[in-house]
Amino acid sequence: MGLFEAMEQYDTEKERKILTVVKGVHVGEKALFSESRLLWENKDHGFFHKHQEIAEKITESGIINVEEEMIFCDIPGQQIKLVICGGGHVSIPIIQLGQMMGNHVTVIEDRPKFADHARRAGASEVFCEPFQDALKKIKGGRDTFFVIVTRGHRYDQICLFEIAKKEHAYIGMMGSKKRVATVKKQLIEDGADPQVIENIYSPIGLSIGAETPEEIAVAIAAEMIQVKNMKKRTSGYTKEMLHAIREKEGTKILATIVTRKGSAPRAVGTKMLILPDGNCIGTIGGGCMEADVVRKARTLMGQNESNVQLCRVDMTGADAEEEGMVCGGIVDVFLEKI
């Protein structure tokens, strides 16, 4: 069983970490952990089995050195599930931005006309029924973001009472300070968890002076990105990437940024899949930097003696400037055959 089969087999709602030796005698060894438990390794009783106690204590994505080995810890986030309560005029650009960001967007709206507007805006799924009934069907989870933009505080209260019971990454609610305070007070009196209620993001969105529905949507999207990125997880694997890994024939190379210094364009953990024909799924920054990594990946594809390679791309200095690497910075990219 390979890594991706193991990832599918075990509970995807639990946080998982993938550890890879990217430099050292054991380079290429890989293991999957979930809740401090070793679930899978590509070499039986290998490096991670022997150092399981140390591996279990790693809690953030990034590089850690164990003895003479350089280990990359990847704690991948899942696809964000964005649940929008309300299908009015503010909801529409939130739906559109959510889809652009690659989120699974669910909209709850009890008015058929507005539910149709949400479908036309591109929502992944729409529940046209009372808010309370629809929310009972939504499980929630560590990657679920709830946005409450209903037409009145009565509906806000219904939604927030149900959402507060669920696991979530974010709860944001639109409304004036007075309206929000009234809703919070009533919910706590009704028995909702005070800690959850007090920690909701309201007024919703980053404070950028937003006025139009589109500007409000940008502020909300920015706040969700901020919350997501505070969790010290990587961007994970897109659906398109996972599909290509499973279905496309031939040797493929997975490129992952494992270290980053300076103003490099993409974060640690960013991934790109290079297909046998040279086409790519995802991006690690584009331009000449990415082209250089693709060239190295295609060379690795043709080698029988090696399955992995750690390569450095230096985007500083005059040579890099001449090549159009305008962002600067230095990244180490780990290439591995899939």
Protein backbone atom coordinates (compact mmCIF):
# COMPACT_ATOMS: atom_id res chain seq x y z
CA MET A 1 0.00 0.00 0.00
CA GLY A 2 1.35 3.42 -0.97
CA LEU A 3 1.06 6.74 0.82
CA PHE A 4 -2.01 7.96 -1.03
CA GLU A 5 -3.88 4.69 -0.51
CA ALA A 6 -3.02 4.95 3.20
CA MET A 7 -4.29 8.54 3.31
CA GLU A 8 -7.59 7.44 1.80
CA GLN A 9 -7.92 4.45 4.11
CA TYR A 10 -7.60 6.36 7.36
CA ASP A 11 -10.01 8.96 8.74
CA THR A 12 -9.55 12.16 6.73
CA GLU A 13 -11.20 14.30 9.43
CA LYS A 14 -8.30 13.73 11.81
CA GLU A 15 -5.14 15.77 11.48
CA ARG A 16 -2.38 13.87 9.73
CA LYS A 17 1.30 14.53 9.21
CA ILE A 18 3.59 13.15 6.56
CA LEU A 19 7.26 12.91 7.48
CA THR A 20 9.93 12.54 4.80
CA VAL A 21 13.70 12.23 5.07
CA VAL A 22 14.85 14.80 2.49
CA LYS A 23 18.58 14.62 3.22
CA GLY A 24 20.76 11.99 4.85
CA VAL A 25 21.47 8.27 4.74
CA HIS A 26 17.76 7.46 4.89
CA VAL A 27 16.71 9.98 2.23
CA GLY A 28 13.36 9.09 0.67
CA GLU A 29 11.96 7.25 3.69
CA LYS A 30 8.43 8.38 4.42
CA ALA A 31 5.81 7.86 7.12
CA LEU A 32 2.20 8.84 7.82
CA PHE A 33 1.11 9.73 11.35
CA SER A 34 -2.32 10.62 12.72
CA GLU A 35 -2.92 11.82 16.26
CA SER A 36 0.61 10.77 17.25
CA ARG A 37 0.14 7.28 15.85
CA LEU A 38 2.28 5.73 13.12
CA LEU A 39 -0.15 4.52 10.45
CA TRP A 40 2.13 3.74 7.50
CA GLU A 41 5.77 3.81 6.40
CA ASN A 42 7.34 3.03 3.06
CA LYS A 43 10.04 0.92 4.71
CA ASP A 44 9.02 -1.60 7.35
CA HIS A 45 10.70 -0.96 10.69
CA GLY A 46 12.64 1.86 9.06
CA PHE A 47 13.87 5.23 10.28
CA PHE A 48 10.52 6.52 11.53
CA HIS A 49 9.68 3.31 13.33
CA LYS A 50 12.98 3.59 15.21
CA HIS A 51 12.44 7.30 15.95
CA GLN A 52 8.70 7.15 16.50
CA GLU A 53 8.78 8.93 19.87
CA ILE A 54 10.56 11.94 18.37
CA ALA A 55 8.34 11.93 15.27
CA GLU A 56 5.16 11.91 17.35
CA LYS A 57 6.18 15.17 19.08
CA ILE A 58 6.52 17.18 15.85
CA THR A 59 3.54 19.55 15.69
CA GLU A 60 4.28 22.04 12.89
CA SER A 61 5.09 21.82 9.21
CA GLY A 62 8.71 22.46 8.32
CA ILE A 63 12.23 21.08 8.69
CA ILE A 64 13.53 19.27 11.76
CA ASN A 65 16.91 17.58 12.14
CA VAL A 66 17.00 14.14 13.76
CA GLU A 67 20.52 12.86 14.28
CA GLU A 68 22.20 13.34 10.88
CA GLU A 69 18.94 13.32 8.91
CA MET A 70 16.95 16.32 7.63
CA ILE A 71 13.24 15.63 8.04
CA PHE A 72 10.41 17.53 6.40
CA CYS A 73 7.12 17.51 8.29
CA ASP A 74 4.06 18.13 6.12
CA ILE A 75 0.76 18.70 7.93
CA PRO A 76 -1.56 19.10 4.95
CA GLY A 77 -4.80 21.00 5.22
CA GLN A 78 -7.90 19.59 3.58
CA GLN A 79 -10.09 21.39 1.08
CA ILE A 80 -11.91 24.18 2.90
CA LYS A 81 -15.63 23.59 3.30
CA LEU A 82 -17.25 27.01 3.21
CA VAL A 83 -20.83 27.05 4.54
CA ILE A 84 -22.72 30.28 3.85
CA CYS A 85 -25.98 30.87 5.71
CA GLY A 86 -27.97 33.23 3.54
CA GLY A 87 -28.26 33.73 -0.20
CA GLY A 88 -28.76 37.48 -0.45
CA HIS A 89 -26.79 40.10 -2.35
CA VAL A 90 -23.70 39.86 -0.08
CA SER A 91 -23.64 36.08 -0.40
CA ILE A 92 -23.17 36.06 -4.17
CA PRO A 93 -19.60 37.49 -4.34
CA ILE A 94 -18.65 35.37 -1.28
CA ILE A 95 -19.72 32.28 -3.25
CA GLN A 96 -17.76 33.40 -6.30
CA LEU A 97 -14.60 34.15 -4.30
CA GLY A 98 -14.93 30.89 -2.41
CA GLN A 99 -15.02 28.95 -5.66
CA MET A 100 -12.03 30.89 -7.03
CA MET A 101 -10.11 29.87 -3.88
CA GLY A 102 -10.89 26.21 -4.53
CA ASN A 103 -13.31 25.80 -1.62
CA HIS A 104 -16.33 23.52 -1.51
CA VAL A 105 -19.12 26.09 -1.11
CA THR A 106 -22.44 25.15 0.51
CA VAL A 107 -25.24 27.72 0.72
CA ILE A 108 -28.30 27.53 2.95
CA GLU A 109 -31.21 29.74 1.91
CA ASP A 110 -34.89 29.17 2.66
CA ARG A 111 -36.23 31.38 -0.16
CA PRO A 112 -36.36 29.56 -3.53
CA LYS A 113 -35.61 32.68 -5.58
CA PHE A 114 -32.44 33.44 -3.63
CA ALA A 115 -31.43 29.78 -3.56
CA ASP A 116 -31.52 29.87 -7.37
CA HIS A 117 -29.28 32.96 -7.33
CA ALA A 118 -26.77 31.00 -5.24
CA ARG A 119 -26.82 28.10 -7.72
CA ARG A 120 -26.21 30.46 -10.63
CA ALA A 121 -23.30 32.05 -8.73
CA GLY A 122 -21.59 28.66 -8.69
CA ALA A 123 -22.27 27.19 -5.24
CA SER A 124 -21.20 23.55 -4.97
CA GLU A 125 -24.48 22.67 -3.26
CA VAL A 126 -27.53 24.61 -2.09
CA PHE A 127 -30.02 23.65 0.63
CA CYS A 128 -33.34 25.39 0.08
CA GLU A 129 -35.02 24.71 3.40
CA PRO A 130 -35.18 26.18 6.92
CA PHE A 131 -31.74 27.02 8.27
CA GLN A 132 -32.08 24.81 11.33
CA ASP A 133 -33.03 21.75 9.26
CA ALA A 134 -30.21 22.23 6.76
CA LEU A 135 -27.56 22.79 9.42
CA LYS A 136 -28.46 19.50 11.08
CA LYS A 137 -27.26 17.81 7.86
CA ILE A 138 -23.85 19.51 7.92
CA LYS A 139 -21.25 17.76 10.04
CA GLY A 140 -18.67 20.50 10.46
CA GLY A 141 -14.97 19.80 10.92
CA ARG A 142 -11.53 21.30 11.45
CA ASP A 143 -11.56 22.73 7.90
CA THR A 144 -15.15 24.00 7.90
CA PHE A 145 -15.67 27.77 7.76
CA PHE A 146 -19.15 29.12 8.57
CA VAL A 147 -20.24 32.53 7.28
CA ILE A 148 -23.57 33.89 8.55
CA VAL A 149 -25.07 36.56 6.29
CA THR A 150 -28.81 36.04 6.71
CA ARG A 151 -31.51 38.67 6.31
CA GLY A 152 -32.23 39.19 10.02
CA HIS A 153 -31.01 38.60 13.56
CA ARG A 154 -33.72 35.98 14.17
CA TYR A 155 -32.16 33.80 11.46
CA ASP A 156 -28.63 34.66 12.64
CA GLN A 157 -29.58 33.37 16.07
CA ILE A 158 -30.95 30.10 14.69
CA CYS A 159 -27.84 29.53 12.59
CA LEU A 160 -25.34 30.44 15.28
CA PHE A 161 -27.04 28.23 17.88
CA GLU A 162 -26.71 25.18 15.59
CA ILE A 163 -23.21 26.03 14.33
CA ALA A 164 -21.84 26.56 17.86
CA LYS A 165 -22.39 22.83 18.52
CA LYS A 166 -20.19 21.79 15.59
CA GLU A 167 -16.44 21.48 15.12
CA HIS A 168 -15.28 24.42 13.03
CA ALA A 169 -12.28 26.43 11.89
CA TYR A 170 -14.09 29.76 11.72
CA ILE A 171 -17.47 31.32 12.45
CA GLY A 172 -18.12 34.79 11.10
CA MET A 173 -21.36 36.77 11.35
CA MET A 174 -22.35 39.99 9.62
CA GLY A 175 -24.22 42.67 11.50
CA SER A 176 -23.95 45.86 13.51
CA LYS A 177 -22.36 45.75 16.96
CA LYS A 178 -25.78 46.18 18.58
CA ARG A 179 -27.35 43.39 16.52
CA VAL A 180 -24.43 41.05 17.18
CA ALA A 181 -24.43 41.80 20.92
CA THR A 182 -28.16 41.06 21.11
CA VAL A 183 -27.74 37.73 19.32
CA LYS A 184 -24.78 36.69 21.49
CA LYS A 185 -26.57 37.56 24.73
CA GLN A 186 -29.68 35.62 23.79
CA LEU A 187 -27.71 32.55 22.68
CA ILE A 188 -25.72 32.37 25.91
CA GLU A 189 -28.99 32.65 27.85
CA ASP A 190 -30.35 29.77 25.73
CA GLY A 191 -27.43 27.54 26.73
CA ALA A 192 -24.92 27.98 23.90
CA ASP A 193 -21.23 27.58 24.80
CA PRO A 194 -20.12 31.11 25.91
CA GLN A 195 -16.52 30.53 24.78
CA VAL A 196 -17.60 29.65 21.23
CA ILE A 197 -20.04 32.55 21.07
CA GLU A 198 -17.50 35.10 22.30
CA ASN A 199 -14.89 33.90 19.79
CA ILE A 200 -16.96 34.38 16.64
CA TYR A 201 -15.61 36.86 14.10
CA SER A 202 -18.02 39.76 14.15
CA PRO A 203 -18.14 42.28 12.65
CA ILE A 204 -17.13 39.83 9.97
CA GLY A 205 -14.14 40.38 7.71
CA LEU A 206 -10.89 42.29 8.02
CA SER A 207 -11.27 46.01 8.70
CA ILE A 208 -10.62 47.52 5.27
CA GLY A 209 -13.54 49.96 5.15
CA ALA A 210 -15.55 47.64 2.87
CA GLU A 211 -18.89 49.00 1.69
CA THR A 212 -20.11 47.20 -1.44
CA PRO A 213 -21.05 43.49 -1.43
CA GLU A 214 -17.91 42.75 -3.45
CA GLU A 215 -15.68 44.64 -1.01
CA ILE A 216 -17.32 42.91 1.95
CA ALA A 217 -16.70 39.54 0.27
CA VAL A 218 -13.01 40.41 -0.19
CA ALA A 219 -12.75 41.36 3.51
CA ILE A 220 -14.38 38.08 4.56
CA ALA A 221 -12.19 36.01 2.22
CA ALA A 222 -9.07 37.76 3.53
CA GLU A 223 -10.05 37.02 7.12
CA MET A 224 -10.64 33.34 6.32
CA ILE A 225 -7.22 33.14 4.65
CA GLN A 226 -5.66 34.72 7.72
CA VAL A 227 -7.34 32.18 10.03
CA LYS A 228 -6.42 29.27 7.77
CA ASN A 229 -2.77 30.26 7.60
CA MET A 230 -2.44 30.61 11.38
CA LYS A 231 -2.89 26.85 11.73
CA LYS A 232 0.65 26.04 10.54
CA ARG A 233 -0.58 23.57 7.96
CA THR A 234 0.44 23.33 4.32
CA SER A 235 -1.77 23.69 1.27
CA GLY A 236 -2.11 19.94 0.90
CA TYR A 237 -3.05 18.08 -2.26
CA THR A 238 -5.69 19.38 -4.66
CA LYS A 239 -8.37 17.07 -6.05
CA GLU A 240 -6.86 17.46 -9.52
CA MET A 241 -3.44 16.45 -8.22
CA LEU A 242 -4.75 13.38 -6.39
CA HIS A 243 -6.73 12.32 -9.45
CA ALA A 244 -3.64 12.56 -11.66
CA ILE A 245 -1.54 10.60 -9.15
CA ARG A 246 -4.10 7.78 -9.13
CA GLU A 247 -5.21 7.74 -12.75
CA LYS A 248 -2.47 9.02 -15.06
CA GLU A 249 0.05 6.46 -16.26
CA GLY A 250 3.81 6.84 -16.29
CA THR A 251 6.36 8.21 -13.84
CA LYS A 252 5.35 11.48 -12.24
CA ILE A 253 7.39 13.77 -10.00
CA LEU A 254 5.99 15.47 -6.94
CA ALA A 255 7.84 18.71 -6.18
CA THR A 256 7.45 20.13 -2.67
CA ILE A 257 8.98 23.30 -1.24
CA VAL A 258 10.62 22.19 2.03
CA THR A 259 12.55 25.33 2.99
CA ARG A 260 12.10 28.98 2.11
CA LYS A 261 14.25 32.01 2.84
CA GLY A 262 13.61 35.59 1.86
CA SER A 263 10.79 36.70 -0.42
CA ALA A 264 10.24 33.48 -2.35
CA PRO A 265 6.79 33.47 -3.96
CA ARG A 266 5.25 30.33 -2.37
CA ALA A 267 5.18 28.92 1.15
CA VAL A 268 6.78 25.80 2.59
CA GLY A 269 4.68 22.75 1.74
CA THR A 270 3.51 24.09 -1.63
CA LYS A 271 3.33 21.24 -4.12
CA MET A 272 3.42 20.76 -7.87
CA LEU A 273 3.00 17.52 -9.81
CA ILE A 274 5.08 17.16 -12.99
CA LEU A 275 3.55 14.74 -15.49
CA PRO A 276 5.52 12.58 -17.96
CA ASP A 277 4.79 14.98 -20.83
CA GLY A 278 6.17 17.95 -18.86
CA ASN A 279 2.79 19.45 -18.04
CA CYS A 280 2.25 20.45 -14.41
CA ILE A 281 -0.61 20.44 -11.93
CA GLY A 282 -0.24 23.20 -9.38
CA THR A 283 2.55 25.75 -9.15
CA ILE A 284 5.48 26.40 -6.84
CA GLY A 285 5.95 29.98 -8.01
CA GLY A 286 6.02 30.09 -11.79
CA GLY A 287 8.57 31.72 -14.05
CA CYS A 288 12.18 30.68 -14.46
CA MET A 289 12.36 29.20 -10.96
CA GLU A 290 9.60 26.74 -11.71
CA ALA A 291 10.99 25.99 -15.16
CA ASP A 292 14.34 25.10 -13.59
CA VAL A 293 12.63 22.68 -11.18
CA VAL A 294 10.66 21.09 -14.03
CA ARG A 295 13.88 20.51 -15.98
CA LYS A 296 15.45 18.79 -12.99
CA ALA A 297 12.31 16.75 -12.43
CA ARG A 298 12.28 15.49 -16.02
CA THR A 299 15.93 14.50 -15.70
CA LEU A 300 15.06 12.58 -12.53
CA MET A 301 12.26 10.80 -14.40
CA GLY A 302 14.81 9.25 -16.75
CA GLN A 303 17.13 8.02 -14.02
CA ASN A 304 16.89 4.46 -12.74
CA GLU A 305 19.38 4.79 -9.93
CA SER A 306 17.59 7.54 -8.01
CA ASN A 307 13.98 8.21 -6.97
CA VAL A 308 14.46 11.46 -5.07
CA GLN A 309 16.42 14.70 -5.28
CA LEU A 310 16.74 17.80 -3.12
CA CYS A 311 17.43 20.83 -5.27
CA ARG A 312 18.03 24.46 -4.37
CA VAL A 313 16.83 27.45 -6.37
CA ASP A 314 18.56 30.74 -5.57
CA MET A 315 16.50 33.73 -6.70
CA THR A 316 18.93 36.31 -5.33
CA GLY A 317 21.78 38.07 -7.07
CA ALA A 318 22.40 39.41 -10.57
CA ASP A 319 22.17 36.06 -12.37
CA ALA A 320 18.73 35.41 -10.94
CA GLU A 321 17.63 38.93 -11.90
CA GLU A 322 18.75 38.37 -15.47
CA GLU A 323 16.71 35.15 -15.54
CA GLY A 324 13.60 37.01 -14.41
CA MET A 325 13.49 35.61 -10.85
CA VAL A 326 12.18 38.90 -9.52
CA CYS A 327 10.82 37.69 -6.17
CA GLY A 328 14.17 36.94 -4.61
CA GLY A 329 14.71 34.39 -1.88
CA ILE A 330 15.99 30.84 -1.79
CA VAL A 331 13.95 27.66 -1.79
CA ASP A 332 14.83 23.99 -1.40
CA VAL A 333 12.52 21.77 -3.42
CA PHE A 334 12.26 18.04 -2.79
CA LEU A 335 11.57 15.95 -5.88
CA GLU A 336 10.23 12.41 -5.56
CA LYS A 337 8.99 9.89 -8.07
CA ILE A 338 5.34 8.92 -7.77
